[in-house]
N, C-alpha and C. Protein backbone atom coordinates (compact mmCIF):
# COMPACT_ATOMS: atom_id res chain seq x y z
N UNK A 1 103.32 111.31 114.85
CA UNK A 1 103.44 112.28 113.76
C UNK A 1 104.83 112.20 113.13
N UNK A 2 105.86 112.21 113.98
CA UNK A 2 107.23 112.10 113.48
C UNK A 2 107.42 110.77 112.74
N UNK A 3 106.78 109.74 113.29
CA UNK A 3 106.84 108.40 112.69
C UNK A 3 106.32 108.44 111.25
N UNK A 4 105.16 109.09 111.08
CA UNK A 4 104.54 109.17 109.75
C UNK A 4 105.44 109.92 108.77
N UNK A 5 106.03 111.00 109.25
CA UNK A 5 106.93 111.81 108.42
C UNK A 5 108.12 110.98 107.96
N UNK A 6 108.74 110.27 108.91
CA UNK A 6 109.90 109.44 108.58
C UNK A 6 109.52 108.34 107.58
N UNK A 7 108.36 107.73 107.81
CA UNK A 7 107.90 106.66 106.92
C UNK A 7 107.70 107.20 105.51
N UNK A 8 107.07 108.36 105.40
CA UNK A 8 106.85 108.97 104.08
C UNK A 8 108.16 109.34 103.40
N UNK A 9 109.10 109.85 104.19
CA UNK A 9 110.42 110.18 103.62
C UNK A 9 111.09 108.91 103.10
N UNK A 10 110.98 107.83 103.88
CA UNK A 10 111.54 106.55 103.45
C UNK A 10 110.92 106.08 102.16
N UNK A 11 109.58 106.18 102.08
CA UNK A 11 108.86 105.77 100.86
C UNK A 11 109.30 106.60 99.66
N UNK A 12 109.50 107.90 99.88
CA UNK A 12 109.95 108.77 98.78
C UNK A 12 111.33 108.35 98.29
N UNK A 13 112.22 108.01 99.23
CA UNK A 13 113.55 107.56 98.83
C UNK A 13 113.46 106.27 98.00
N UNK A 14 112.57 105.37 98.39
CA UNK A 14 112.40 104.12 97.63
C UNK A 14 111.98 104.44 96.20
N UNK A 15 111.02 105.34 96.05
CA UNK A 15 110.54 105.71 94.70
C UNK A 15 111.66 106.27 93.84
N UNK A 16 112.63 106.94 94.49
CA UNK A 16 113.76 107.52 93.76
C UNK A 16 114.91 106.53 93.59
N UNK A 17 114.73 105.33 94.16
CA UNK A 17 115.80 104.33 94.05
C UNK A 17 116.95 104.56 95.01
N UNK A 18 116.73 105.39 96.03
CA UNK A 18 117.77 105.67 97.03
C UNK A 18 117.54 104.76 98.24
N UNK A 19 117.96 103.50 98.09
CA UNK A 19 117.62 102.48 99.08
C UNK A 19 118.37 102.62 100.40
N UNK A 20 119.65 103.05 100.33
CA UNK A 20 120.41 103.24 101.57
C UNK A 20 119.73 104.29 102.46
N UNK A 21 119.33 105.41 101.83
CA UNK A 21 118.68 106.49 102.57
C UNK A 21 117.35 106.02 103.15
N UNK A 22 116.63 105.23 102.35
CA UNK A 22 115.34 104.70 102.81
C UNK A 22 115.53 103.79 104.02
N UNK A 23 116.55 102.94 103.99
CA UNK A 23 116.85 102.05 105.12
C UNK A 23 117.05 102.88 106.38
N UNK A 24 117.79 103.99 106.27
CA UNK A 24 118.04 104.84 107.43
C UNK A 24 116.74 105.41 108.00
N UNK A 25 115.85 105.85 107.12
CA UNK A 25 114.56 106.42 107.56
C UNK A 25 113.71 105.35 108.25
N UNK A 26 113.64 104.18 107.63
CA UNK A 26 112.83 103.10 108.22
C UNK A 26 113.42 102.67 109.57
N UNK A 27 114.73 102.65 109.65
CA UNK A 27 115.38 102.28 110.92
C UNK A 27 115.03 103.29 112.01
N UNK A 28 114.99 104.57 111.65
CA UNK A 28 114.58 105.61 112.61
C UNK A 28 113.14 105.38 113.05
N UNK A 29 112.29 105.02 112.10
CA UNK A 29 110.88 104.72 112.42
C UNK A 29 110.79 103.64 113.49
N UNK A 30 111.64 102.63 113.36
CA UNK A 30 111.58 101.47 114.27
C UNK A 30 111.92 101.86 115.69
N UNK A 31 112.72 102.93 115.85
CA UNK A 31 113.04 103.40 117.20
C UNK A 31 111.78 103.96 117.86
N UNK A 32 110.85 104.46 117.05
CA UNK A 32 109.62 105.05 117.57
C UNK A 32 108.50 104.02 117.72
N UNK A 33 108.51 103.01 116.84
CA UNK A 33 107.44 102.01 116.87
C UNK A 33 107.95 100.70 116.27
N UNK A 34 108.06 99.67 117.11
CA UNK A 34 108.58 98.38 116.63
C UNK A 34 107.48 97.45 116.15
N UNK A 35 106.22 97.86 116.32
CA UNK A 35 105.10 96.98 115.98
C UNK A 35 104.55 97.18 114.56
N UNK A 36 104.99 98.20 113.88
CA UNK A 36 104.47 98.54 112.56
C UNK A 36 105.12 97.65 111.51
N UNK A 37 104.39 96.64 111.05
CA UNK A 37 104.95 95.64 110.13
C UNK A 37 105.39 96.24 108.79
N UNK A 38 104.66 97.21 108.31
CA UNK A 38 104.97 97.80 106.99
C UNK A 38 106.39 98.35 106.93
N UNK A 39 106.86 98.88 108.04
CA UNK A 39 108.22 99.43 108.07
C UNK A 39 109.24 98.33 107.81
N UNK A 40 109.01 97.19 108.44
CA UNK A 40 109.94 96.06 108.27
C UNK A 40 109.90 95.50 106.86
N UNK A 41 108.70 95.36 106.30
CA UNK A 41 108.63 94.82 104.93
C UNK A 41 109.20 95.83 103.93
N UNK A 42 109.01 97.12 104.21
CA UNK A 42 109.60 98.15 103.34
C UNK A 42 111.12 98.11 103.41
N UNK A 43 111.64 97.99 104.64
CA UNK A 43 113.09 97.95 104.79
C UNK A 43 113.64 96.67 104.15
N UNK A 44 112.90 95.57 104.28
CA UNK A 44 113.33 94.32 103.65
C UNK A 44 113.45 94.49 102.13
N UNK A 45 112.50 95.20 101.55
CA UNK A 45 112.56 95.48 100.11
C UNK A 45 113.86 96.21 99.77
N UNK A 46 114.19 97.22 100.57
CA UNK A 46 115.43 97.98 100.33
C UNK A 46 116.65 97.08 100.45
N UNK A 47 116.65 96.24 101.48
CA UNK A 47 117.78 95.32 101.65
C UNK A 47 117.91 94.38 100.45
N UNK A 48 116.79 93.93 99.92
CA UNK A 48 116.84 93.06 98.73
C UNK A 48 117.47 93.81 97.56
N UNK A 49 117.10 95.07 97.39
CA UNK A 49 117.64 95.87 96.30
C UNK A 49 119.14 96.11 96.48
N UNK A 50 119.58 96.08 97.75
CA UNK A 50 121.01 96.31 98.06
C UNK A 50 121.78 94.99 98.16
N UNK A 51 121.12 93.88 97.84
CA UNK A 51 121.71 92.54 97.91
C UNK A 51 122.11 92.16 99.33
N UNK A 52 121.41 92.72 100.33
CA UNK A 52 121.65 92.37 101.74
C UNK A 52 120.57 91.37 102.15
N UNK A 53 120.75 90.15 101.69
CA UNK A 53 119.70 89.14 101.82
C UNK A 53 119.47 88.71 103.27
N UNK A 54 120.55 88.59 104.02
CA UNK A 54 120.43 88.16 105.42
C UNK A 54 119.60 89.17 106.22
N UNK A 55 119.88 90.46 106.01
CA UNK A 55 119.15 91.51 106.71
C UNK A 55 117.67 91.51 106.29
N UNK A 56 117.43 91.30 105.01
CA UNK A 56 116.05 91.26 104.51
C UNK A 56 115.30 90.10 105.16
N UNK A 57 115.96 88.95 105.25
CA UNK A 57 115.35 87.77 105.85
C UNK A 57 115.00 88.04 107.32
N UNK A 58 115.89 88.68 108.04
CA UNK A 58 115.66 88.98 109.46
C UNK A 58 114.45 89.90 109.63
N UNK A 59 114.33 90.92 108.79
CA UNK A 59 113.18 91.83 108.88
C UNK A 59 111.88 91.06 108.62
N UNK A 60 111.90 90.19 107.64
CA UNK A 60 110.69 89.41 107.32
C UNK A 60 110.36 88.44 108.45
N UNK A 61 111.39 87.82 109.02
CA UNK A 61 111.17 86.92 110.16
C UNK A 61 110.48 87.68 111.30
N UNK A 62 110.94 88.89 111.54
CA UNK A 62 110.36 89.72 112.61
C UNK A 62 108.88 89.97 112.36
N UNK A 63 108.55 90.35 111.14
CA UNK A 63 107.15 90.62 110.78
C UNK A 63 106.30 89.37 110.99
N UNK A 64 106.81 88.23 110.56
CA UNK A 64 106.03 86.99 110.64
C UNK A 64 105.83 86.52 112.08
N UNK A 65 106.67 86.98 112.99
CA UNK A 65 106.45 86.68 114.42
C UNK A 65 105.25 87.48 114.94
N UNK A 66 105.10 88.69 114.42
CA UNK A 66 103.99 89.56 114.85
C UNK A 66 102.70 89.20 114.10
N UNK A 67 102.87 89.01 112.79
CA UNK A 67 101.71 88.84 111.90
C UNK A 67 102.00 87.64 110.99
N UNK A 68 101.57 86.46 111.39
CA UNK A 68 102.02 85.25 110.70
C UNK A 68 101.38 85.01 109.33
N UNK A 69 100.54 85.94 108.88
CA UNK A 69 99.94 85.77 107.55
C UNK A 69 100.29 86.94 106.63
N UNK A 70 101.37 87.65 106.95
CA UNK A 70 101.76 88.81 106.14
C UNK A 70 102.37 88.34 104.82
N UNK A 71 101.62 88.56 103.74
CA UNK A 71 102.01 88.06 102.41
C UNK A 71 103.31 88.70 101.93
N UNK A 72 103.43 90.01 102.12
CA UNK A 72 104.66 90.70 101.68
C UNK A 72 105.88 90.12 102.38
N UNK A 73 105.74 89.85 103.66
CA UNK A 73 106.87 89.30 104.42
C UNK A 73 107.25 87.91 103.89
N UNK A 74 106.25 87.07 103.61
CA UNK A 74 106.52 85.75 103.05
C UNK A 74 107.22 85.86 101.70
N UNK A 75 106.70 86.74 100.86
CA UNK A 75 107.23 86.89 99.51
C UNK A 75 108.67 87.42 99.54
N UNK A 76 108.89 88.46 100.35
CA UNK A 76 110.23 89.05 100.39
C UNK A 76 111.23 88.13 101.08
N UNK A 77 110.74 87.35 102.05
CA UNK A 77 111.64 86.38 102.69
C UNK A 77 112.05 85.32 101.67
N UNK A 78 111.11 84.91 100.83
CA UNK A 78 111.43 83.93 99.78
C UNK A 78 112.49 84.50 98.82
N UNK A 79 112.34 85.76 98.47
CA UNK A 79 113.34 86.41 97.60
C UNK A 79 114.70 86.46 98.29
N UNK A 80 114.69 86.72 99.60
CA UNK A 80 115.95 86.76 100.35
C UNK A 80 116.60 85.38 100.35
N UNK A 81 115.82 84.34 100.60
CA UNK A 81 116.36 82.97 100.57
C UNK A 81 116.93 82.66 99.19
N UNK A 82 116.22 83.08 98.17
CA UNK A 82 116.68 82.83 96.80
C UNK A 82 118.02 83.54 96.57
N UNK A 83 118.11 84.78 97.02
CA UNK A 83 119.36 85.53 96.89
C UNK A 83 120.50 84.86 97.63
N UNK A 84 120.22 84.36 98.82
CA UNK A 84 121.26 83.68 99.60
C UNK A 84 121.70 82.39 98.90
N UNK A 85 120.76 81.66 98.30
CA UNK A 85 121.08 80.43 97.58
C UNK A 85 121.99 80.72 96.38
N UNK A 86 121.63 81.74 95.63
CA UNK A 86 122.41 82.11 94.45
C UNK A 86 123.83 82.50 94.87
N UNK A 87 123.91 83.29 95.94
CA UNK A 87 125.22 83.72 96.44
C UNK A 87 126.07 82.51 96.84
N UNK A 88 125.45 81.54 97.50
CA UNK A 88 126.17 80.33 97.93
C UNK A 88 126.70 79.57 96.72
N UNK A 89 125.83 79.43 95.70
CA UNK A 89 126.25 78.72 94.48
C UNK A 89 127.41 79.43 93.80
N UNK A 90 127.32 80.76 93.73
CA UNK A 90 128.38 81.53 93.09
C UNK A 90 129.70 81.38 93.83
N UNK A 91 129.63 81.37 95.17
CA UNK A 91 130.85 81.23 95.95
C UNK A 91 131.44 79.84 95.80
N UNK A 92 130.58 78.85 95.70
CA UNK A 92 131.03 77.47 95.53
C UNK A 92 131.71 77.30 94.19
N UNK A 93 131.26 78.08 93.22
CA UNK A 93 131.80 77.95 91.86
C UNK A 93 133.12 78.66 91.64
N UNK A 94 133.58 79.41 92.63
CA UNK A 94 134.82 80.19 92.46
C UNK A 94 136.03 79.30 92.54
C-alpha cells in the first residue's frame, strides 16, 4: 500500500516536471520492492530529464536483467547512451 502511494506521488511529480522529487519517491519505492520494473524505468526517465545519463543507464540495465524484453528500458537506455556520447563529444571539443 505504501509502495503504491509512493509510486503515485512520484508519477505526480513527473507530471509537474519535478524530476528530483520524483527520483526521491521512486528510490523510496525501491527500498520496499526491488522487483518492480516500472519504478526503474520511471526513475530512468527522470534521470534523463536531469541529464544524469549514467544513472539512467544503470536503472535500465537493472530492468533488463529482470525483464530482458522491456521496451521502455531499451529505449531509455538508448537515450542514455546517446546523452553520454554527446557529452563525450562536447568535452572533447573544449
